């Protein structure tokens, strides 16, 4: 069984299921997610496109 993925906003500290953070357009083929609480956009640590 795969454990659930949690995500935490580095700006405000909000945390939730990774699916609750909407994926927004990124820069240079990197995906960014947006915090539903404060709107801060950041690159998640579990980004599969990361080199």
Protein backbone atom coordinates (compact mmCIF):
# COMPACT_ATOMS: atom_id res chain seq x y z
CA UNK A 1 0.00 0.00 0.00
CA UNK A 2 1.28 3.48 -0.90
CA UNK A 3 1.12 5.93 2.01
CA UNK A 4 -0.90 9.12 1.48
CA UNK A 5 1.07 12.15 0.37
CA UNK A 6 0.83 15.28 2.46
CA UNK A 7 1.93 18.68 1.28
CA UNK A 8 2.85 21.73 3.37
CA UNK A 9 3.01 25.34 2.21
CA UNK A 10 6.43 26.88 3.00
CA UNK A 11 4.86 30.35 3.25
CA UNK A 12 1.96 29.94 5.69
CA UNK A 13 2.45 26.39 6.99
CA UNK A 14 -0.93 25.12 5.74
CA UNK A 15 -0.86 21.35 5.20
CA UNK A 16 -3.30 18.95 3.59
CA UNK A 17 -3.52 16.04 1.17
CA UNK A 18 -1.34 16.62 -1.89
CA UNK A 19 -4.45 16.47 -4.10
CA UNK A 20 -5.89 19.56 -2.38
CA UNK A 21 -3.09 21.76 -3.72
CA UNK A 22 -4.03 22.61 -7.34
CA UNK A 23 -1.28 22.30 -9.95
CA UNK A 24 -0.69 25.53 -11.85
CA UNK A 25 1.43 26.28 -14.92
CA UNK A 26 5.10 26.10 -14.17
CA UNK A 27 8.28 27.58 -15.58
CA UNK A 28 10.71 25.53 -17.72
CA UNK A 29 8.52 22.40 -17.58
CA UNK A 30 8.46 22.42 -13.76
CA UNK A 31 5.11 22.00 -12.09
CA UNK A 32 4.10 24.50 -9.43
CA UNK A 33 1.35 24.02 -6.89
CA UNK A 34 -0.74 26.73 -5.27
CA UNK A 35 -1.62 26.79 -1.58
CA UNK A 36 -5.42 26.86 -1.16
CA UNK A 37 -5.09 28.91 2.04
CA UNK A 38 -2.79 31.76 1.03
CA UNK A 39 -2.29 31.41 -2.75
CA UNK A 40 1.51 31.02 -2.54
CA UNK A 41 2.94 29.10 -5.53
CA UNK A 42 5.88 26.76 -5.01
CA UNK A 43 7.62 23.75 -6.52
CA UNK A 44 6.76 20.63 -4.52
CA UNK A 45 9.50 18.33 -3.26
CA UNK A 46 7.77 15.36 -4.91
CA UNK A 47 7.87 16.93 -8.37
CA UNK A 48 8.37 14.08 -10.84
CA UNK A 49 9.75 16.39 -13.56
CA UNK A 50 12.66 17.46 -11.38
CA UNK A 51 16.15 16.70 -12.78
